[in-house]
């Protein structure tokens, strides 16, 4: 065997060995991809933050009636970015105008819908509105 043949043989052996080691590491490494996070609802995130979610049960016998009345009064001074929507029978939404005589049932309906929606971030407008209008510790 000539010198050149030995070089080719050594190079080929090194390449096959490296491929084998690389393949072994690849297939035995396990799942190192980031786990998909379980989606959480806004209400779950608020509960984890120790917030008390107001009951959205209809009627005046609601356990949080006094709190809802506070929200009703506060709504008159809400910023435009804090306004919520009336959710119609067909799911169509129309903004609820600022007023201290806002219909609390409309507020409850909005909270019921959006508390069950997926949480994206604490900076999300829907999350901020839910925190303001749907919790006892309104901000």
Foldseek 3Di string as FASTA:
>chain_A
DDPVVVVVVVVVVVVVVVVVVVVVCVVPVPDPDDDDDDWDFLLVVCVVVVWAFADLDDDCVGPCNVLLLVLLQCQLVDDPLLWAWQQDPVRDTDTDDRDSPTDSNSLSVRLVVRRRDTDDDCPDSSSLNNQQNGTSNHD
